[in-house]
Structures are given as C-alpha cells and as structure tokens.
Amino acid sequence: MNSVLFSSFPYLFWFMRQNKQDVTIDLSNMELKNAEGKIYQLKKFNKAYFLAIKFLPVILLFGLVFNKYDFVFTQAKFFQYTAGLILATLVFYGKKTLSYIAFFLFLVSGFFFLDNVVFAMDYFFLSVPFAMKYFFLFVIFYSFVFDLNKTVYSVKNNNITVSHIILERVNE
C-alpha cells in the first residue's frame, strides 16, 4: 500500500498534507481522479530536483546559523548534540504523544535552568537554544534520509502544475 501526501502549493515540499477526499491514482495511465471526477495528469518529478528544491534553502540557512564553535566538541557540545539527537529520534520514531511530552519537558526543564531554579549542571542553562538548533539539524537529516525512498509526481491540469504528490511505500 502507498501513503499519499499532497503539496498545498506547487514546488513547496514542506508541510505536506494527506488528502481527506477520495482520490484514485492510476500510475499505469499517469492519471489522478479526485472525488468530483475531475482527471489530472501525472508526470514523474525528478528526485534530484525534489531534494534540491526541498533541502537547498535549509542547508543555506544552516550555513548562516552554524559557525566554527558548533564543531568544537566539549562536554557541553556533546550534551547539546545528544539532546538534539534524542529529541529528533523521538519525533521520527516515537509515538506522537511521547514526542510532544518529551519536547515539552525539554523546554520546561530549560526554563527552570534559565531561571536558576536547579543548579545541577552549570552549562545547561545555555544549552537549550543550541540543543534546539542541533535538533533541527537532525530533523532535516532524518527527513532527507526518509525522502530518498519517496516518489514524487507533478499533478498537471492543461500542462500547468497545480500540485505535487508524494508516494511512500508503507509496510503492512
């Protein structure tokens, strides 16, 4: 079975949504039929273009945000990278409720350390923003790895791209 995600706008591959309507996808004829019976043409989208359009702006943003001190591994940096990796792993592999709870607890614990309520780790009060930065780095990395297994199609109406769909193989 395939999982189908639809883009809200053409060439915007972030914030994909699942279609709540009944659609029929015929890959042999390269057609998509929506619930109203309207037929759209499908055209396979180049995976390299898909990955470049999706991740190049984010990589450029990371180039502006990261500096040489992000790659100096001290005990504090190790803790920050580990916290970011654990949160990103929970987001991708954990249950949704567990992910929200862990993320909330991490932010709340950072607030208490910022407020000097708990003095257990001296470097933690400065670590929350950096751990969040590394969390986003790992989320982008996981997204890239998972997107390698997806197939992208352009949804066209009269040779004008109106949307994109992403098909992902789901194991049952």
N, C-alpha and C. Protein backbone atom coordinates (compact mmCIF):
# COMPACT_ATOMS: atom_id res chain seq x y z
N MET A 1 0.84 -1.18 0.00
CA MET A 1 0.00 0.00 0.00
C MET A 1 0.88 1.24 0.00
N ASN A 2 0.41 2.31 -0.61
CA ASN A 2 1.15 3.55 -0.66
C ASN A 2 0.49 4.60 0.23
N SER A 3 1.32 5.40 0.87
CA SER A 3 0.85 6.57 1.58
C SER A 3 0.99 7.75 0.63
N VAL A 4 -0.05 8.59 0.52
CA VAL A 4 -0.05 9.69 -0.44
C VAL A 4 -0.09 11.01 0.32
N LEU A 5 0.84 11.89 0.00
CA LEU A 5 0.88 13.24 0.56
C LEU A 5 0.73 14.24 -0.57
N PHE A 6 -0.01 15.31 -0.33
CA PHE A 6 -0.26 16.34 -1.33
C PHE A 6 0.39 17.64 -0.88
N SER A 7 0.96 18.38 -1.83
CA SER A 7 1.50 19.70 -1.51
C SER A 7 0.39 20.73 -1.61
N SER A 8 0.44 21.73 -0.76
CA SER A 8 -0.56 22.79 -0.82
C SER A 8 -0.31 23.71 -2.01
N PHE A 9 0.96 23.90 -2.33
CA PHE A 9 1.35 24.74 -3.45
C PHE A 9 2.38 23.99 -4.28
N PRO A 10 2.43 24.25 -5.58
CA PRO A 10 3.44 23.58 -6.40
C PRO A 10 4.85 23.96 -5.95
N TYR A 11 5.73 23.00 -5.95
CA TYR A 11 7.15 23.17 -5.64
C TYR A 11 7.42 23.56 -4.19
N LEU A 12 6.45 23.46 -3.32
CA LEU A 12 6.65 23.67 -1.89
C LEU A 12 6.47 22.31 -1.22
N PHE A 13 7.59 21.68 -0.88
CA PHE A 13 7.55 20.30 -0.42
C PHE A 13 7.57 20.17 1.10
N TRP A 14 7.48 21.26 1.82
CA TRP A 14 7.36 21.21 3.27
C TRP A 14 5.88 21.32 3.63
N PHE A 15 5.51 20.79 4.75
CA PHE A 15 4.14 20.86 5.27
C PHE A 15 3.16 20.17 4.32
N MET A 16 3.53 18.98 3.89
CA MET A 16 2.65 18.19 3.04
C MET A 16 1.46 17.72 3.87
N ARG A 17 0.35 17.47 3.20
CA ARG A 17 -0.86 17.05 3.91
C ARG A 17 -1.44 15.81 3.25
N GLN A 18 -2.14 15.03 4.04
CA GLN A 18 -2.86 13.90 3.47
C GLN A 18 -4.21 14.40 2.99
N ASN A 19 -4.62 13.91 1.85
CA ASN A 19 -5.89 14.34 1.28
C ASN A 19 -7.03 13.63 2.00
N LYS A 20 -8.01 14.38 2.45
CA LYS A 20 -9.15 13.80 3.16
C LYS A 20 -10.20 13.29 2.18
N GLN A 21 -10.14 13.75 0.93
CA GLN A 21 -11.10 13.30 -0.07
C GLN A 21 -10.64 11.99 -0.67
N ASP A 22 -11.55 11.36 -1.36
CA ASP A 22 -11.24 10.10 -2.03
C ASP A 22 -10.64 10.40 -3.39
N VAL A 23 -9.40 10.01 -3.60
CA VAL A 23 -8.74 10.18 -4.89
C VAL A 23 -8.31 8.81 -5.40
N THR A 24 -8.31 8.69 -6.70
CA THR A 24 -7.87 7.46 -7.34
C THR A 24 -6.64 7.78 -8.17
N ILE A 25 -5.57 7.06 -7.91
CA ILE A 25 -4.32 7.27 -8.64
C ILE A 25 -4.09 6.07 -9.53
N ASP A 26 -3.99 6.33 -10.83
CA ASP A 26 -3.73 5.29 -11.82
C ASP A 26 -2.35 5.54 -12.40
N LEU A 27 -1.34 4.84 -11.88
CA LEU A 27 0.03 5.08 -12.34
C LEU A 27 0.30 4.49 -13.72
N SER A 28 -0.49 3.52 -14.13
CA SER A 28 -0.28 2.95 -15.47
C SER A 28 -0.69 3.95 -16.55
N ASN A 29 -1.75 4.73 -16.31
CA ASN A 29 -2.17 5.77 -17.26
C ASN A 29 -1.68 7.15 -16.86
N MET A 30 -0.99 7.24 -15.71
CA MET A 30 -0.47 8.50 -15.18
C MET A 30 -1.60 9.52 -15.02
N GLU A 31 -2.65 9.10 -14.28
CA GLU A 31 -3.79 9.97 -14.04
C GLU A 31 -4.18 9.95 -12.56
N LEU A 32 -4.73 11.07 -12.13
CA LEU A 32 -5.27 11.20 -10.79
C LEU A 32 -6.71 11.68 -10.93
N LYS A 33 -7.63 10.98 -10.30
CA LYS A 33 -9.05 11.35 -10.37
C LYS A 33 -9.50 11.72 -8.96
N ASN A 34 -10.04 12.94 -8.82
CA ASN A 34 -10.48 13.37 -7.49
C ASN A 34 -11.92 12.93 -7.24
N ALA A 35 -12.46 13.31 -6.09
CA ALA A 35 -13.79 12.86 -5.68
C ALA A 35 -14.89 13.41 -6.59
N GLU A 36 -14.66 14.58 -7.19
CA GLU A 36 -15.66 15.17 -8.08
C GLU A 36 -15.59 14.58 -9.48
N GLY A 37 -14.63 13.72 -9.74
CA GLY A 37 -14.50 13.09 -11.05
C GLY A 37 -13.56 13.81 -12.00
N LYS A 38 -12.94 14.88 -11.56
CA LYS A 38 -12.00 15.61 -12.42
C LYS A 38 -10.71 14.81 -12.53
N ILE A 39 -10.19 14.73 -13.75
CA ILE A 39 -9.00 13.94 -14.01
C ILE A 39 -7.82 14.87 -14.27
N TYR A 40 -6.72 14.60 -13.56
CA TYR A 40 -5.47 15.35 -13.72
C TYR A 40 -4.42 14.40 -14.28
N GLN A 41 -3.46 14.96 -14.98
CA GLN A 41 -2.36 14.16 -15.50
C GLN A 41 -1.23 14.15 -14.46
N LEU A 42 -0.54 13.04 -14.40
CA LEU A 42 0.62 12.91 -13.51
C LEU A 42 1.88 12.83 -14.36
N LYS A 43 2.92 13.45 -13.86
CA LYS A 43 4.23 13.36 -14.50
C LYS A 43 5.25 13.13 -13.40
N LYS A 44 6.09 12.12 -13.59
CA LYS A 44 7.10 11.81 -12.58
C LYS A 44 8.07 12.99 -12.45
N PHE A 45 8.34 13.37 -11.21
CA PHE A 45 9.21 14.51 -10.92
C PHE A 45 10.60 13.98 -10.60
N ASN A 46 11.61 14.64 -11.10
CA ASN A 46 12.99 14.23 -10.89
C ASN A 46 13.33 14.27 -9.40
N LYS A 47 13.85 13.16 -8.87
CA LYS A 47 14.15 13.07 -7.44
C LYS A 47 15.26 14.05 -7.03
N ALA A 48 16.25 14.26 -7.90
CA ALA A 48 17.32 15.21 -7.58
C ALA A 48 16.78 16.63 -7.48
N TYR A 49 15.88 17.01 -8.37
CA TYR A 49 15.25 18.33 -8.29
C TYR A 49 14.42 18.45 -7.02
N PHE A 50 13.69 17.39 -6.71
CA PHE A 50 12.87 17.38 -5.49
C PHE A 50 13.73 17.62 -4.25
N LEU A 51 14.82 16.86 -4.13
CA LEU A 51 15.69 17.01 -2.96
C LEU A 51 16.35 18.38 -2.93
N ALA A 52 16.76 18.89 -4.10
CA ALA A 52 17.40 20.20 -4.15
C ALA A 52 16.42 21.31 -3.77
N ILE A 53 15.21 21.26 -4.32
CA ILE A 53 14.21 22.29 -4.01
C ILE A 53 13.82 22.25 -2.53
N LYS A 54 13.75 21.06 -1.98
CA LYS A 54 13.33 20.93 -0.59
C LYS A 54 14.43 21.29 0.40
N PHE A 55 15.66 20.84 0.14
CA PHE A 55 16.70 20.95 1.16
C PHE A 55 17.74 22.04 0.93
N LEU A 56 17.90 22.54 -0.28
CA LEU A 56 18.93 23.56 -0.52
C LEU A 56 18.69 24.84 0.28
N PRO A 57 17.46 25.39 0.34
CA PRO A 57 17.27 26.58 1.17
C PRO A 57 17.57 26.34 2.65
N VAL A 58 17.25 25.16 3.14
CA VAL A 58 17.51 24.84 4.55
C VAL A 58 19.01 24.72 4.80
N ILE A 59 19.72 24.10 3.86
CA ILE A 59 21.17 23.97 4.00
C ILE A 59 21.83 25.34 3.97
N LEU A 60 21.35 26.23 3.11
CA LEU A 60 21.89 27.59 3.07
C LEU A 60 21.62 28.33 4.38
N LEU A 61 20.44 28.12 4.96
CA LEU A 61 20.13 28.73 6.25
C LEU A 61 21.04 28.19 7.34
N PHE A 62 21.28 26.88 7.32
CA PHE A 62 22.20 26.30 8.30
C PHE A 62 23.60 26.88 8.12
N GLY A 63 23.99 27.16 6.89
CA GLY A 63 25.30 27.78 6.64
C GLY A 63 25.41 29.15 7.28
N LEU A 64 24.31 29.85 7.40
CA LEU A 64 24.32 31.15 8.06
C LEU A 64 24.27 31.03 9.58
N VAL A 65 23.61 30.00 10.07
CA VAL A 65 23.38 29.86 11.51
C VAL A 65 24.54 29.17 12.22
N PHE A 66 25.14 28.18 11.57
CA PHE A 66 26.23 27.44 12.20
C PHE A 66 27.54 28.20 12.04
N ASN A 67 28.42 28.05 13.03
CA ASN A 67 29.75 28.64 12.96
C ASN A 67 30.77 27.62 13.44
N LYS A 68 32.02 28.03 13.51
CA LYS A 68 33.08 27.07 13.84
C LYS A 68 32.95 26.53 15.26
N TYR A 69 32.31 27.26 16.15
CA TYR A 69 32.18 26.80 17.54
C TYR A 69 31.16 25.67 17.68
N ASP A 70 30.32 25.50 16.67
CA ASP A 70 29.39 24.38 16.71
C ASP A 70 30.08 23.05 16.48
N PHE A 71 31.31 23.09 16.01
CA PHE A 71 32.04 21.86 15.70
C PHE A 71 33.22 21.63 16.64
N VAL A 72 33.31 22.43 17.70
CA VAL A 72 34.30 22.20 18.76
C VAL A 72 33.61 21.36 19.82
N PHE A 73 34.04 20.11 19.95
CA PHE A 73 33.31 19.19 20.81
C PHE A 73 33.85 19.22 22.24
N THR A 74 33.10 19.90 23.08
CA THR A 74 33.35 19.93 24.51
C THR A 74 32.26 19.09 25.18
N GLN A 75 32.33 19.02 26.49
CA GLN A 75 31.31 18.26 27.21
C GLN A 75 29.93 18.89 26.99
N ALA A 76 29.87 20.21 27.00
CA ALA A 76 28.59 20.90 26.79
C ALA A 76 28.06 20.64 25.38
N LYS A 77 28.93 20.70 24.38
CA LYS A 77 28.50 20.43 22.99
C LYS A 77 28.03 19.00 22.83
N PHE A 78 28.72 18.08 23.48
CA PHE A 78 28.30 16.68 23.42
C PHE A 78 26.90 16.52 23.99
N PHE A 79 26.64 17.18 25.11
CA PHE A 79 25.32 17.14 25.72
C PHE A 79 24.27 17.75 24.79
N GLN A 80 24.61 18.87 24.16
CA GLN A 80 23.67 19.55 23.27
C GLN A 80 23.34 18.69 22.05
N TYR A 81 24.37 18.11 21.44
CA TYR A 81 24.15 17.24 20.28
C TYR A 81 23.34 16.00 20.69
N THR A 82 23.64 15.45 21.85
CA THR A 82 22.91 14.27 22.32
C THR A 82 21.45 14.60 22.58
N ALA A 83 21.19 15.73 23.21
CA ALA A 83 19.80 16.13 23.47
C ALA A 83 19.05 16.36 22.15
N GLY A 84 19.70 17.01 21.19
CA GLY A 84 19.08 17.22 19.88
C GLY A 84 18.80 15.92 19.16
N LEU A 85 19.74 14.98 19.24
CA LEU A 85 19.57 13.68 18.58
C LEU A 85 18.44 12.87 19.22
N ILE A 86 18.38 12.89 20.55
CA ILE A 86 17.31 12.16 21.25
C ILE A 86 15.94 12.73 20.90
N LEU A 87 15.82 14.05 20.90
CA LEU A 87 14.54 14.67 20.56
C LEU A 87 14.14 14.38 19.11
N ALA A 88 15.10 14.48 18.19
CA ALA A 88 14.80 14.20 16.78
C ALA A 88 14.41 12.74 16.58
N THR A 89 15.09 11.84 17.27
CA THR A 89 14.76 10.42 17.16
C THR A 89 13.36 10.15 17.71
N LEU A 90 13.01 10.79 18.82
CA LEU A 90 11.66 10.64 19.36
C LEU A 90 10.61 11.16 18.39
N VAL A 91 10.90 12.26 17.71
CA VAL A 91 9.94 12.82 16.77
C VAL A 91 9.70 11.87 15.61
N PHE A 92 10.76 11.23 15.12
CA PHE A 92 10.61 10.39 13.94
C PHE A 92 10.21 8.96 14.25
N TYR A 93 10.63 8.43 15.38
CA TYR A 93 10.36 7.03 15.67
C TYR A 93 9.39 6.80 16.81
N GLY A 94 9.16 7.80 17.63
CA GLY A 94 8.28 7.62 18.77
C GLY A 94 6.84 7.89 18.42
N LYS A 95 6.00 7.60 19.33
CA LYS A 95 4.59 7.92 19.17
C LYS A 95 4.44 9.44 19.26
N LYS A 96 3.41 9.96 18.65
CA LYS A 96 3.22 11.41 18.58
C LYS A 96 3.07 12.02 19.98
N THR A 97 2.33 11.37 20.84
CA THR A 97 2.13 11.89 22.19
C THR A 97 3.44 11.90 22.97
N LEU A 98 4.22 10.83 22.85
CA LEU A 98 5.51 10.77 23.52
C LEU A 98 6.44 11.87 23.02
N SER A 99 6.41 12.14 21.73
CA SER A 99 7.25 13.20 21.16
C SER A 99 6.88 14.55 21.73
N TYR A 100 5.58 14.85 21.81
CA TYR A 100 5.14 16.12 22.36
C TYR A 100 5.51 16.26 23.83
N ILE A 101 5.35 15.20 24.58
CA ILE A 101 5.69 15.23 26.01
C ILE A 101 7.19 15.47 26.20
N ALA A 102 8.02 14.75 25.45
CA ALA A 102 9.47 14.90 25.58
C ALA A 102 9.90 16.31 25.19
N PHE A 103 9.35 16.83 24.11
CA PHE A 103 9.70 18.18 23.65
C PHE A 103 9.28 19.21 24.70
N PHE A 104 8.08 19.07 25.25
CA PHE A 104 7.59 19.99 26.26
C PHE A 104 8.45 19.92 27.53
N LEU A 105 8.77 18.71 27.98
CA LEU A 105 9.60 18.56 29.18
C LEU A 105 10.99 19.15 28.97
N PHE A 106 11.53 18.99 27.77
CA PHE A 106 12.84 19.57 27.49
C PHE A 106 12.79 21.09 27.58
N LEU A 107 11.78 21.70 27.00
CA LEU A 107 11.67 23.16 27.05
C LEU A 107 11.40 23.66 28.46
N VAL A 108 10.56 22.96 29.21
CA VAL A 108 10.26 23.36 30.59
C VAL A 108 11.51 23.22 31.45
N SER A 109 12.26 22.14 31.28
CA SER A 109 13.48 21.97 32.08
C SER A 109 14.48 23.06 31.73
N GLY A 110 14.54 23.45 30.47
CA GLY A 110 15.42 24.56 30.08
C GLY A 110 15.00 25.86 30.72
N PHE A 111 13.69 26.10 30.85
CA PHE A 111 13.20 27.30 31.52
C PHE A 111 13.62 27.31 32.98
N PHE A 112 13.51 26.17 33.67
CA PHE A 112 13.90 26.13 35.07
C PHE A 112 15.39 26.35 35.24
N PHE A 113 16.19 25.84 34.31
CA PHE A 113 17.62 26.07 34.41
C PHE A 113 17.95 27.53 34.11
N LEU A 114 17.21 28.13 33.18
CA LEU A 114 17.42 29.55 32.90
C LEU A 114 17.03 30.41 34.09
N ASP A 115 16.05 29.97 34.83
CA ASP A 115 15.54 30.73 35.97
C ASP A 115 16.35 30.46 37.23
N ASN A 116 17.43 29.69 37.11
CA ASN A 116 18.31 29.36 38.23
C ASN A 116 17.57 28.63 39.35
N VAL A 117 16.57 27.85 39.00
CA VAL A 117 15.85 27.07 40.00
C VAL A 117 16.65 25.82 40.35
N VAL A 118 17.25 25.21 39.35
CA VAL A 118 18.02 23.99 39.54
C VAL A 118 19.46 24.28 39.16
N PHE A 119 20.42 23.87 39.99
CA PHE A 119 21.83 24.16 39.74
C PHE A 119 22.63 22.90 39.45
N ALA A 120 22.00 21.83 39.00
CA ALA A 120 22.70 20.56 38.83
C ALA A 120 23.80 20.63 37.77
N MET A 121 23.53 21.28 36.65
CA MET A 121 24.54 21.40 35.60
C MET A 121 24.71 22.88 35.28
N ASP A 122 25.93 23.35 35.42
CA ASP A 122 26.18 24.78 35.19
C ASP A 122 26.01 25.18 33.73
N TYR A 123 26.36 24.29 32.82
CA TYR A 123 26.32 24.66 31.40
C TYR A 123 24.96 24.44 30.76
N PHE A 124 24.03 23.83 31.45
CA PHE A 124 22.76 23.50 30.81
C PHE A 124 21.93 24.73 30.48
N PHE A 125 22.01 25.78 31.30
CA PHE A 125 21.15 26.93 31.07
C PHE A 125 21.45 27.62 29.75
N LEU A 126 22.63 27.43 29.21
CA LEU A 126 22.95 27.97 27.89
C LEU A 126 22.76 26.94 26.78
N SER A 127 22.43 25.73 27.13
CA SER A 127 22.40 24.64 26.16
C SER A 127 21.09 24.50 25.40
N VAL A 128 19.99 24.98 25.94
CA VAL A 128 18.70 24.75 25.30
C VAL A 128 18.63 25.33 23.89
N PRO A 129 19.03 26.57 23.65
CA PRO A 129 18.96 27.06 22.26
C PRO A 129 19.86 26.27 21.31
N PHE A 130 21.03 25.87 21.78
CA PHE A 130 21.93 25.11 20.92
C PHE A 130 21.39 23.70 20.67
N ALA A 131 20.82 23.09 21.70
CA ALA A 131 20.23 21.76 21.52
C ALA A 131 19.07 21.84 20.53
N MET A 132 18.31 22.93 20.57
CA MET A 132 17.22 23.10 19.60
C MET A 132 17.77 23.26 18.18
N LYS A 133 18.88 23.97 18.05
CA LYS A 133 19.50 24.13 16.73
C LYS A 133 19.95 22.78 16.21
N TYR A 134 20.56 21.97 17.05
CA TYR A 134 21.02 20.64 16.62
C TYR A 134 19.83 19.70 16.41
N PHE A 135 18.76 19.91 17.17
CA PHE A 135 17.53 19.14 16.94
C PHE A 135 17.03 19.37 15.52
N PHE A 136 16.98 20.63 15.09
CA PHE A 136 16.53 20.92 13.72
C PHE A 136 17.50 20.34 12.69
N LEU A 137 18.78 20.33 12.99
CA LEU A 137 19.76 19.71 12.10
C LEU A 137 19.47 18.23 11.92
N PHE A 138 19.22 17.53 13.02
CA PHE A 138 18.94 16.09 12.94
C PHE A 138 17.58 15.82 12.29
N VAL A 139 16.60 16.69 12.52
CA VAL A 139 15.30 16.53 11.86
C VAL A 139 15.46 16.64 10.35
N ILE A 140 16.24 17.61 9.90
CA ILE A 140 16.48 17.77 8.46
C ILE A 140 17.23 16.56 7.93
N PHE A 141 18.18 16.06 8.67
CA PHE A 141 18.92 14.87 8.23
C PHE A 141 17.99 13.66 8.11
N TYR A 142 17.17 13.43 9.13
CA TYR A 142 16.21 12.32 9.07
C TYR A 142 15.25 12.50 7.90
N SER A 143 14.77 13.72 7.69
CA SER A 143 13.86 13.98 6.58
C SER A 143 14.51 13.65 5.25
N PHE A 144 15.77 14.03 5.10
CA PHE A 144 16.49 13.75 3.86
C PHE A 144 16.61 12.24 3.64
N VAL A 145 16.97 11.52 4.68
CA VAL A 145 17.12 10.06 4.55
C VAL A 145 15.78 9.42 4.19
N PHE A 146 14.71 9.83 4.84
CA PHE A 146 13.40 9.26 4.54
C PHE A 146 12.90 9.66 3.15
N ASP A 147 13.25 10.85 2.69
CA ASP A 147 12.80 11.30 1.37
C ASP A 147 13.51 10.59 0.24
N LEU A 148 14.59 9.91 0.51
CA LEU A 148 15.27 9.15 -0.54
C LEU A 148 14.41 8.00 -1.04
N ASN A 149 13.49 7.51 -0.22
CA ASN A 149 12.63 6.38 -0.58
C ASN A 149 11.27 6.80 -1.12
N LYS A 150 11.07 8.07 -1.37
CA LYS A 150 9.77 8.55 -1.83
C LYS A 150 9.80 8.83 -3.32
N THR A 151 8.63 8.72 -3.94
CA THR A 151 8.47 9.01 -5.36
C THR A 151 7.56 10.23 -5.49
N VAL A 152 8.00 11.20 -6.28
CA VAL A 152 7.27 12.46 -6.42
C VAL A 152 6.68 12.56 -7.82
N TYR A 153 5.44 13.01 -7.89
CA TYR A 153 4.76 13.23 -9.17
C TYR A 153 4.21 14.65 -9.19
N SER A 154 4.27 15.28 -10.36
CA SER A 154 3.61 16.57 -10.57
C SER A 154 2.18 16.30 -11.00
N VAL A 155 1.25 17.02 -10.41
CA VAL A 155 -0.16 16.93 -10.79
C VAL A 155 -0.42 18.10 -11.74
N LYS A 156 -0.78 17.77 -12.98
CA LYS A 156 -0.93 18.80 -14.01
C LYS A 156 -2.36 18.88 -14.49
N ASN A 157 -2.77 20.11 -14.77
CA ASN A 157 -4.07 20.39 -15.37
C ASN A 157 -3.80 21.29 -16.57
N ASN A 158 -4.02 20.79 -17.78
CA ASN A 158 -3.73 21.52 -19.02
C ASN A 158 -2.26 21.95 -19.08
N ASN A 159 -1.36 21.05 -18.74
CA ASN A 159 0.09 21.26 -18.74
C ASN A 159 0.55 22.34 -17.76
N ILE A 160 -0.25 22.67 -16.78
CA ILE A 160 0.13 23.59 -15.71
C ILE A 160 0.19 22.80 -14.42
N THR A 161 1.31 22.88 -13.73
CA THR A 161 1.46 22.15 -12.47
C THR A 161 0.61 22.81 -11.39
N VAL A 162 -0.32 22.04 -10.84
CA VAL A 162 -1.21 22.57 -9.80
C VAL A 162 -0.82 22.08 -8.41
N SER A 163 -0.10 20.97 -8.35
CA SER A 163 0.30 20.41 -7.07
C SER A 163 1.34 19.33 -7.31
N HIS A 164 1.81 18.76 -6.24
CA HIS A 164 2.69 17.60 -6.30
C HIS A 164 2.15 16.56 -5.32
N ILE A 165 2.37 15.32 -5.65
CA ILE A 165 2.04 14.26 -4.70
C ILE A 165 3.30 13.46 -4.44
N ILE A 166 3.37 12.95 -3.24
CA ILE A 166 4.50 12.11 -2.84
C ILE A 166 3.92 10.76 -2.45
N LEU A 167 4.43 9.74 -3.09
CA LEU A 167 4.03 8.37 -2.77
C LEU A 167 5.12 7.72 -1.95
N GLU A 168 4.71 7.10 -0.87
CA GLU A 168 5.66 6.43 0.00
C GLU A 168 5.15 5.02 0.26
N ARG A 169 6.02 4.06 0.10
CA ARG A 169 5.66 2.67 0.33
C ARG A 169 5.49 2.45 1.83
N VAL A 170 4.35 1.88 2.20
CA VAL A 170 4.06 1.60 3.61
C VAL A 170 4.00 0.10 3.77
N ASN A 171 4.77 -0.42 4.73
CA ASN A 171 4.74 -1.85 5.02
C ASN A 171 3.53 -2.17 5.88
N GLU A 172 2.83 -3.20 5.52
CA GLU A 172 1.64 -3.59 6.29
C GLU A 172 1.94 -4.77 7.16
